[in-house]
């Protein structure tokens, strides 16, 4: 059997999740701005399927420009990462953002728990940034959201039942924030604006950058997540 191509992966994504709910499409100006900065297969998704909600709101493919204020707040004055080089292309119902960095590199930003996870190019997809970063982020985010609260209650099903479906650029978030109380029971969940909420969390407490470190000689797997430093200006 021949190896999957980008076209095959794209077709799988369309078959499984298209069309998104709350579907909107980029303008010609937005297409012109992002063309060449994102893979053509992602641009094709934007043009053909648009931005919107996948799998009952578990994941949202979004306009990167909408989340720009969040990226600017997180990475202001960071010596290694500049907001202009970071493309937030989607987020899940709890506000965890997928960010592309180019050359197969990516980040996952979870401000609710103060974690930024850095990943280099995935060895299994050396020829395709679309598959290794964008398809992987979108398909995984839309398929699986297994986060539980401090009592073991699955967060997304509870929130969907008790708070109702999300509207565009809304997320479910804990009020007060986990970073303030150290607690996160589902009864504290509310619907919140994704931009306002995440900007507030980023300003409240700078997240910690983590990287995957694989023990010397180890084969397979991503390795162990190791904290590197706080994000933002350094001493």
C-alpha atoms as a PDB file:
ATOM      1  CA  UNK A   1       0.000   0.000   0.000  1.00  0.00           C
ATOM      2  CA  UNK A   2       1.394   3.396  -0.960  1.00  0.00           C
ATOM      3  CA  UNK A   3       2.065   5.990   1.714  1.00  0.00           C
ATOM      4  CA  UNK A   4      -0.579   8.601   2.490  1.00  0.00           C
ATOM      5  CA  UNK A   5      -0.134  11.922   0.710  1.00  0.00           C
ATOM      6  CA  UNK A   6      -1.162  15.371   1.964  1.00  0.00           C
ATOM      7  CA  UNK A   7      -4.201  15.044  -0.301  1.00  0.00           C
ATOM      8  CA  UNK A   8      -5.182  11.813   1.462  1.00  0.00           C
ATOM      9  CA  UNK A   9      -4.840  13.377   4.905  1.00  0.00           C
ATOM     10  CA  UNK A  10      -6.829  16.397   3.771  1.00  0.00           C
ATOM     11  CA  UNK A  11      -9.593  14.159   2.402  1.00  0.00           C
ATOM     12  CA  UNK A  12      -9.757  12.313   5.733  1.00  0.00           C
ATOM     13  CA  UNK A  13     -10.110  15.605   7.592  1.00  0.00           C
ATOM     14  CA  UNK A  14     -12.935  16.721   5.304  1.00  0.00           C
ATOM     15  CA  UNK A  15     -14.700  13.358   5.500  1.00  0.00           C
ATOM     16  CA  UNK A  16     -14.559  13.291   9.298  1.00  0.00           C
ATOM     17  CA  UNK A  17     -15.223  16.901  10.290  1.00  0.00           C
ATOM     18  CA  UNK A  18     -16.457  19.087   7.434  1.00  0.00           C
ATOM     19  CA  UNK A  19     -18.336  21.300   7.223  1.00  0.00           C
ATOM     20  CA  UNK A  20     -17.681  23.089  10.524  1.00  0.00           C
ATOM     21  CA  UNK A  21     -20.524  24.600  12.516  1.00  0.00           C
ATOM     22  CA  UNK A  22     -20.640  28.411  12.696  1.00  0.00           C
ATOM     23  CA  UNK A  23     -18.857  28.369   9.354  1.00  0.00           C
ATOM     24  CA  UNK A  24     -17.219  31.609   8.202  1.00  0.00           C
ATOM     25  CA  UNK A  25     -14.750  32.190   5.391  1.00  0.00           C
ATOM     26  CA  UNK A  26     -11.626  34.341   5.113  1.00  0.00           C
ATOM     27  CA  UNK A  27     -11.726  37.497   3.031  1.00  0.00           C
ATOM     28  CA  UNK A  28      -9.534  37.931  -0.025  1.00  0.00           C
ATOM     29  CA  UNK A  29      -7.295  40.200   2.050  1.00  0.00           C
ATOM     30  CA  UNK A  30      -6.898  37.539   4.732  1.00  0.00           C
ATOM     31  CA  UNK A  31      -6.125  34.885   2.136  1.00  0.00           C
ATOM     32  CA  UNK A  32      -3.485  37.117   0.568  1.00  0.00           C
ATOM     33  CA  UNK A  33      -1.937  37.858   3.961  1.00  0.00           C
ATOM     34  CA  UNK A  34      -1.614  34.227   5.045  1.00  0.00           C
ATOM     35  CA  UNK A  35      -0.804  32.596   1.707  1.00  0.00           C
ATOM     36  CA  UNK A  36       2.782  31.388   1.838  1.00  0.00           C
ATOM     37  CA  UNK A  37       2.817  31.504   5.639  1.00  0.00           C
ATOM     38  CA  UNK A  38       0.615  28.437   6.069  1.00  0.00           C
ATOM     39  CA  UNK A  39       0.624  25.209   3.998  1.00  0.00           C
ATOM     40  CA  UNK A  40      -1.555  25.185   0.907  1.00  0.00           C
ATOM     41  CA  UNK A  41      -3.642  22.352   2.341  1.00  0.00           C
ATOM     42  CA  UNK A  42      -4.598  24.471   5.333  1.00  0.00           C
ATOM     43  CA  UNK A  43      -5.319  27.408   3.040  1.00  0.00           C
ATOM     44  CA  UNK A  44      -7.509  25.077   1.003  1.00  0.00           C
ATOM     45  CA  UNK A  45      -9.438  24.108   4.151  1.00  0.00           C
ATOM     46  CA  UNK A  46      -9.985  27.767   4.975  1.00  0.00           C
ATOM     47  CA  UNK A  47     -11.219  28.537   1.445  1.00  0.00           C
ATOM     48  CA  UNK A  48     -13.364  25.424   0.983  1.00  0.00           C
ATOM     49  CA  UNK A  49     -14.541  24.662   4.532  1.00  0.00           C
ATOM     50  CA  UNK A  50     -13.858  27.904   6.394  1.00  0.00           C
ATOM     51  CA  UNK A  51     -13.307  28.548  10.083  1.00  0.00           C
ATOM     52  CA  UNK A  52     -15.615  27.166  12.738  1.00  0.00           C
ATOM     53  CA  UNK A  53     -16.498  24.478  15.241  1.00  0.00           C
ATOM     54  CA  UNK A  54     -15.687  20.780  14.890  1.00  0.00           C
ATOM     55  CA  UNK A  55     -17.290  17.883  16.752  1.00  0.00           C
ATOM     56  CA  UNK A  56     -19.867  19.790  18.817  1.00  0.00           C
ATOM     57  CA  UNK A  57     -17.394  22.506  19.769  1.00  0.00           C
ATOM     58  CA  UNK A  58     -14.545  20.334  21.017  1.00  0.00           C
ATOM     59  CA  UNK A  59     -12.227  22.144  18.608  1.00  0.00           C
ATOM     60  CA  UNK A  60     -12.311  25.386  16.631  1.00  0.00           C
ATOM     61  CA  UNK A  61     -10.329  26.098  13.476  1.00  0.00           C
ATOM     62  CA  UNK A  62      -9.862  29.848  13.656  1.00  0.00           C
ATOM     63  CA  UNK A  63      -8.590  33.003  12.032  1.00  0.00           C
ATOM     64  CA  UNK A  64      -5.045  33.392  13.467  1.00  0.00           C
ATOM     65  CA  UNK A  65      -5.539  37.151  13.599  1.00  0.00           C
ATOM     66  CA  UNK A  66      -8.325  36.792  16.168  1.00  0.00           C
ATOM     67  CA  UNK A  67      -5.921  35.269  18.700  1.00  0.00           C
ATOM     68  CA  UNK A  68      -3.100  37.719  18.003  1.00  0.00           C
ATOM     69  CA  UNK A  69      -3.721  39.688  21.263  1.00  0.00           C
ATOM     70  CA  UNK A  70      -3.262  36.473  23.249  1.00  0.00           C
ATOM     71  CA  UNK A  71       0.027  35.626  21.520  1.00  0.00           C
ATOM     72  CA  UNK A  72       1.285  39.181  22.001  1.00  0.00           C
ATOM     73  CA  UNK A  73       0.494  39.115  25.718  1.00  0.00           C
ATOM     74  CA  UNK A  74       2.192  35.755  26.255  1.00  0.00           C
ATOM     75  CA  UNK A  75       5.368  36.391  24.276  1.00  0.00           C
ATOM     76  CA  UNK A  76       5.915  40.115  24.817  1.00  0.00           C
ATOM     77  CA  UNK A  77       9.673  40.734  25.135  1.00  0.00           C
ATOM     78  CA  UNK A  78      10.513  37.034  25.019  1.00  0.00           C
ATOM     79  CA  UNK A  79      14.090  36.706  23.691  1.00  0.00           C
ATOM     80  CA  UNK A  80      13.465  33.550  21.651  1.00  0.00           C
ATOM     81  CA  UNK A  81       9.881  33.757  20.386  1.00  0.00           C
ATOM     82  CA  UNK A  82       8.334  36.702  18.561  1.00  0.00           C
ATOM     83  CA  UNK A  83       4.562  36.983  18.052  1.00  0.00           C
ATOM     84  CA  UNK A  84       5.041  37.601  14.317  1.00  0.00           C
ATOM     85  CA  UNK A  85       6.538  34.113  13.960  1.00  0.00           C
ATOM     86  CA  UNK A  86       3.745  32.289  15.782  1.00  0.00           C
ATOM     87  CA  UNK A  87       0.521  31.278  14.018  1.00  0.00           C
ATOM     88  CA  UNK A  88      -2.383  30.198  16.279  1.00  0.00           C
ATOM     89  CA  UNK A  89      -4.553  28.123  13.963  1.00  0.00           C
ATOM     90  CA  UNK A  90      -6.977  26.452  16.363  1.00  0.00           C
ATOM     91  CA  UNK A  91      -8.042  25.947  19.965  1.00  0.00           C
ATOM     92  CA  UNK A  92     -10.141  23.506  21.944  1.00  0.00           C
ATOM     93  CA  UNK A  93     -13.211  24.092  24.092  1.00  0.00           C
ATOM     94  CA  UNK A  94     -11.043  24.758  27.155  1.00  0.00           C
ATOM     95  CA  UNK A  95      -8.903  27.360  25.401  1.00  0.00           C
ATOM     96  CA  UNK A  96      -5.830  25.241  24.696  1.00  0.00           C
ATOM     97  CA  UNK A  97      -4.262  26.804  21.570  1.00  0.00           C
ATOM     98  CA  UNK A  98      -2.320  25.084  18.783  1.00  0.00           C
ATOM     99  CA  UNK A  99       0.433  27.296  17.373  1.00  0.00           C
ATOM    100  CA  UNK A 100       2.592  26.718  14.286  1.00  0.00           C
ATOM    101  CA  UNK A 101       6.150  28.045  14.255  1.00  0.00           C
ATOM    102  CA  UNK A 102       7.277  26.988  10.768  1.00  0.00           C
ATOM    103  CA  UNK A 103       9.670  24.229   9.678  1.00  0.00           C
ATOM    104  CA  UNK A 104       7.565  21.573  11.404  1.00  0.00           C
ATOM    105  CA  UNK A 105       7.820  23.178  14.834  1.00  0.00           C
ATOM    106  CA  UNK A 106       4.782  23.776  17.002  1.00  0.00           C
ATOM    107  CA  UNK A 107       3.517  24.794  20.425  1.00  0.00           C
ATOM    108  CA  UNK A 108       0.518  23.916  22.528  1.00  0.00           C
ATOM    109  CA  UNK A 109      -0.470  26.700  24.909  1.00  0.00           C
ATOM    110  CA  UNK A 110      -2.567  25.841  27.979  1.00  0.00           C
ATOM    111  CA  UNK A 111      -2.887  29.057  29.966  1.00  0.00           C
ATOM    112  CA  UNK A 112      -5.480  27.528  32.267  1.00  0.00           C
ATOM    113  CA  UNK A 113      -2.673  25.514  33.845  1.00  0.00           C
ATOM    114  CA  UNK A 114       0.226  27.771  32.862  1.00  0.00           C
ATOM    115  CA  UNK A 115       1.914  25.410  30.405  1.00  0.00           C
ATOM    116  CA  UNK A 116       3.464  26.055  26.986  1.00  0.00           C
ATOM    117  CA  UNK A 117       4.685  22.869  25.298  1.00  0.00           C
ATOM    118  CA  UNK A 118       7.316  23.180  22.573  1.00  0.00           C
ATOM    119  CA  UNK A 119       7.844  20.501  19.916  1.00  0.00           C
ATOM    120  CA  UNK A 120      10.332  20.227  17.117  1.00  0.00           C
ATOM    121  CA  UNK A 121       9.562  18.614  13.749  1.00  0.00           C
ATOM    122  CA  UNK A 122       7.960  15.182  14.015  1.00  0.00           C
ATOM    123  CA  UNK A 123      10.329  12.576  12.626  1.00  0.00           C
ATOM    124  CA  UNK A 124       7.458  10.538  11.158  1.00  0.00           C
ATOM    125  CA  UNK A 125       6.389  13.446   8.935  1.00  0.00           C
ATOM    126  CA  UNK A 126       9.650  14.971   7.665  1.00  0.00           C
ATOM    127  CA  UNK A 127       8.195  16.101   4.344  1.00  0.00           C
ATOM    128  CA  UNK A 128       4.895  17.596   5.459  1.00  0.00           C
ATOM    129  CA  UNK A 129       4.371  20.482   7.830  1.00  0.00           C
ATOM    130  CA  UNK A 130       0.650  20.285   7.055  1.00  0.00           C
ATOM    131  CA  UNK A 131       0.391  16.724   8.398  1.00  0.00           C
ATOM    132  CA  UNK A 132       2.895  17.010  11.239  1.00  0.00           C
ATOM    133  CA  UNK A 133       1.545  20.276  12.649  1.00  0.00           C
ATOM    134  CA  UNK A 134      -1.823  21.364  11.266  1.00  0.00           C
ATOM    135  CA  UNK A 135      -3.586  18.086  10.487  1.00  0.00           C
ATOM    136  CA  UNK A 136      -2.212  16.565  13.661  1.00  0.00           C
ATOM    137  CA  UNK A 137      -3.394  19.481  15.804  1.00  0.00           C
ATOM    138  CA  UNK A 138      -6.828  19.790  14.226  1.00  0.00           C
ATOM    139  CA  UNK A 139      -7.668  16.085  13.994  1.00  0.00           C
ATOM    140  CA  UNK A 140      -6.408  15.272  17.493  1.00  0.00           C
ATOM    141  CA  UNK A 141      -8.153  18.294  18.996  1.00  0.00           C
ATOM    142  CA  UNK A 142     -11.454  17.512  17.315  1.00  0.00           C
ATOM    143  CA  UNK A 143     -11.312  13.811  18.121  1.00  0.00           C
ATOM    144  CA  UNK A 144     -10.232  13.868  21.743  1.00  0.00           C
ATOM    145  CA  UNK A 145     -10.816  16.137  24.730  1.00  0.00           C
ATOM    146  CA  UNK A 146     -10.418  13.940  27.784  1.00  0.00           C
ATOM    147  CA  UNK A 147      -9.610  16.536  30.458  1.00  0.00           C
ATOM    148  CA  UNK A 148     -11.134  15.865  33.875  1.00  0.00           C
ATOM    149  CA  UNK A 149     -11.699  18.110  36.860  1.00  0.00           C
ATOM    150  CA  UNK A 150     -10.096  17.589  40.269  1.00  0.00           C
ATOM    151  CA  UNK A 151     -12.787  15.023  41.143  1.00  0.00           C
ATOM    152  CA  UNK A 152     -12.397  12.978  37.964  1.00  0.00           C
ATOM    153  CA  UNK A 153     -15.465  14.404  36.170  1.00  0.00           C
ATOM    154  CA  UNK A 154     -14.977  14.752  32.398  1.00  0.00           C
ATOM    155  CA  UNK A 155     -15.046  18.478  31.781  1.00  0.00           C
ATOM    156  CA  UNK A 156     -16.357  18.818  28.223  1.00  0.00           C
ATOM    157  CA  UNK A 157     -19.431  16.548  28.492  1.00  0.00           C
ATOM    158  CA  UNK A 158     -20.389  18.182  31.810  1.00  0.00           C
ATOM    159  CA  UNK A 159     -19.993  21.691  30.411  1.00  0.00           C
ATOM    160  CA  UNK A 160     -21.931  20.886  27.248  1.00  0.00           C
ATOM    161  CA  UNK A 161     -24.827  19.508  29.283  1.00  0.00           C
ATOM    162  CA  UNK A 162     -24.931  22.121  32.040  1.00  0.00           C
ATOM    163  CA  UNK A 163     -23.753  25.287  30.268  1.00  0.00           C
ATOM    164  CA  UNK A 164     -24.862  24.579  26.712  1.00  0.00           C
ATOM    165  CA  UNK A 165     -22.949  24.717  23.416  1.00  0.00           C
ATOM    166  CA  UNK A 166     -20.262  27.310  22.805  1.00  0.00           C
ATOM    167  CA  UNK A 167     -20.653  30.225  20.430  1.00  0.00           C
ATOM    168  CA  UNK A 168     -17.745  31.356  18.203  1.00  0.00           C
ATOM    169  CA  UNK A 169     -14.737  32.550  20.213  1.00  0.00           C
ATOM    170  CA  UNK A 170     -16.151  31.263  23.482  1.00  0.00           C
ATOM    171  CA  UNK A 171     -14.535  28.661  25.738  1.00  0.00           C
ATOM    172  CA  UNK A 172     -15.332  26.946  29.013  1.00  0.00           C
ATOM    173  CA  UNK A 173     -13.122  28.278  31.808  1.00  0.00           C
ATOM    174  CA  UNK A 174     -12.815  27.988  35.570  1.00  0.00           C
ATOM    175  CA  UNK A 175     -13.860  31.035  37.590  1.00  0.00           C
ATOM    176  CA  UNK A 176     -11.916  31.742  39.712  1.00  0.00           C
ATOM    177  CA  UNK A 177      -8.911  30.572  37.706  1.00  0.00           C
ATOM    178  CA  UNK A 178      -6.884  27.544  38.742  1.00  0.00           C
ATOM    179  CA  UNK A 179      -3.783  29.762  38.976  1.00  0.00           C
ATOM    180  CA  UNK A 180      -5.513  31.760  41.722  1.00  0.00           C
ATOM    181  CA  UNK A 181      -7.095  28.987  43.806  1.00  0.00           C
ATOM    182  CA  UNK A 182      -5.363  25.743  42.825  1.00  0.00           C
ATOM    183  CA  UNK A 183      -8.849  24.231  42.443  1.00  0.00           C
ATOM    184  CA  UNK A 184     -10.802  23.313  39.329  1.00  0.00           C
ATOM    185  CA  UNK A 185     -14.167  21.626  40.029  1.00  0.00           C
ATOM    186  CA  UNK A 186     -16.639  21.571  37.144  1.00  0.00           C
ATOM    187  CA  UNK A 187     -19.100  23.646  39.200  1.00  0.00           C
ATOM    188  CA  UNK A 188     -16.713  26.594  38.707  1.00  0.00           C
ATOM    189  CA  UNK A 189     -16.955  26.459  34.902  1.00  0.00           C
ATOM    190  CA  UNK A 190     -18.395  29.362  32.937  1.00  0.00           C
ATOM    191  CA  UNK A 191     -18.651  30.355  29.277  1.00  0.00           C
ATOM    192  CA  UNK A 192     -16.022  33.007  28.569  1.00  0.00           C
ATOM    193  CA  UNK A 193     -14.600  35.002  25.661  1.00  0.00           C
ATOM    194  CA  UNK A 194     -11.508  33.131  24.499  1.00  0.00           C
ATOM    195  CA  UNK A 195      -9.482  36.290  23.815  1.00  0.00           C
ATOM    196  CA  UNK A 196     -10.428  38.202  26.968  1.00  0.00           C
ATOM    197  CA  UNK A 197     -10.016  35.139  29.163  1.00  0.00           C
ATOM    198  CA  UNK A 198      -6.625  34.080  27.804  1.00  0.00           C
ATOM    199  CA  UNK A 199      -5.194  37.600  27.777  1.00  0.00           C
ATOM    200  CA  UNK A 200      -6.235  37.906  31.428  1.00  0.00           C
ATOM    201  CA  UNK A 201      -4.646  34.571  32.349  1.00  0.00           C
ATOM    202  CA  UNK A 202      -1.421  35.455  30.532  1.00  0.00           C
ATOM    203  CA  UNK A 203      -1.227  38.792  32.354  1.00  0.00           C
ATOM    204  CA  UNK A 204      -2.044  37.166  35.683  1.00  0.00           C
ATOM    205  CA  UNK A 205       0.775  34.621  35.620  1.00  0.00           C
ATOM    206  CA  UNK A 206       3.468  33.933  33.034  1.00  0.00           C
ATOM    207  CA  UNK A 207       3.291  30.325  31.779  1.00  0.00           C
ATOM    208  CA  UNK A 208       6.190  27.871  31.921  1.00  0.00           C
ATOM    209  CA  UNK A 209       7.797  26.619  28.707  1.00  0.00           C
ATOM    210  CA  UNK A 210       8.282  22.837  28.504  1.00  0.00           C
ATOM    211  CA  UNK A 211      10.151  20.717  25.969  1.00  0.00           C
ATOM    212  CA  UNK A 212      10.128  16.994  25.223  1.00  0.00           C
ATOM    213  CA  UNK A 213      13.447  15.399  26.149  1.00  0.00           C
ATOM    214  CA  UNK A 214      14.164  11.846  25.050  1.00  0.00           C
ATOM    215  CA  UNK A 215      16.734   9.895  27.103  1.00  0.00           C
ATOM    216  CA  UNK A 216      19.959   9.235  25.238  1.00  0.00           C
ATOM    217  CA  UNK A 217      19.678   6.101  23.135  1.00  0.00           C
ATOM    218  CA  UNK A 218      15.898   5.803  23.601  1.00  0.00           C
ATOM    219  CA  UNK A 219      13.816   4.904  20.557  1.00  0.00           C
ATOM    220  CA  UNK A 220      10.283   6.059  19.758  1.00  0.00           C
ATOM    221  CA  UNK A 221       7.920   8.229  21.732  1.00  0.00           C
ATOM    222  CA  UNK A 222       8.184  11.921  22.408  1.00  0.00           C
ATOM    223  CA  UNK A 223      10.243  11.676  25.587  1.00  0.00           C
ATOM    224  CA  UNK A 224       9.585  13.347  28.929  1.00  0.00           C
ATOM    225  CA  UNK A 225       8.214  16.861  29.359  1.00  0.00           C
ATOM    226  CA  UNK A 226      10.821  18.979  31.131  1.00  0.00           C
ATOM    227  CA  UNK A 227      10.299  22.597  32.326  1.00  0.00           C
ATOM    228  CA  UNK A 228      12.745  25.009  30.700  1.00  0.00           C
ATOM    229  CA  UNK A 229      11.850  28.527  31.861  1.00  0.00           C
ATOM    230  CA  UNK A 230       9.074  31.078  32.214  1.00  0.00           C
ATOM    231  CA  UNK A 231       7.832  32.614  28.957  1.00  0.00           C
ATOM    232  CA  UNK A 232       8.368  36.337  28.448  1.00  0.00           C
ATOM    233  CA  UNK A 233      11.175  38.721  29.430  1.00  0.00           C
ATOM    234  CA  UNK A 234      14.143  37.056  31.095  1.00  0.00           C
ATOM    235  CA  UNK A 235      16.233  38.297  34.050  1.00  0.00           C
END
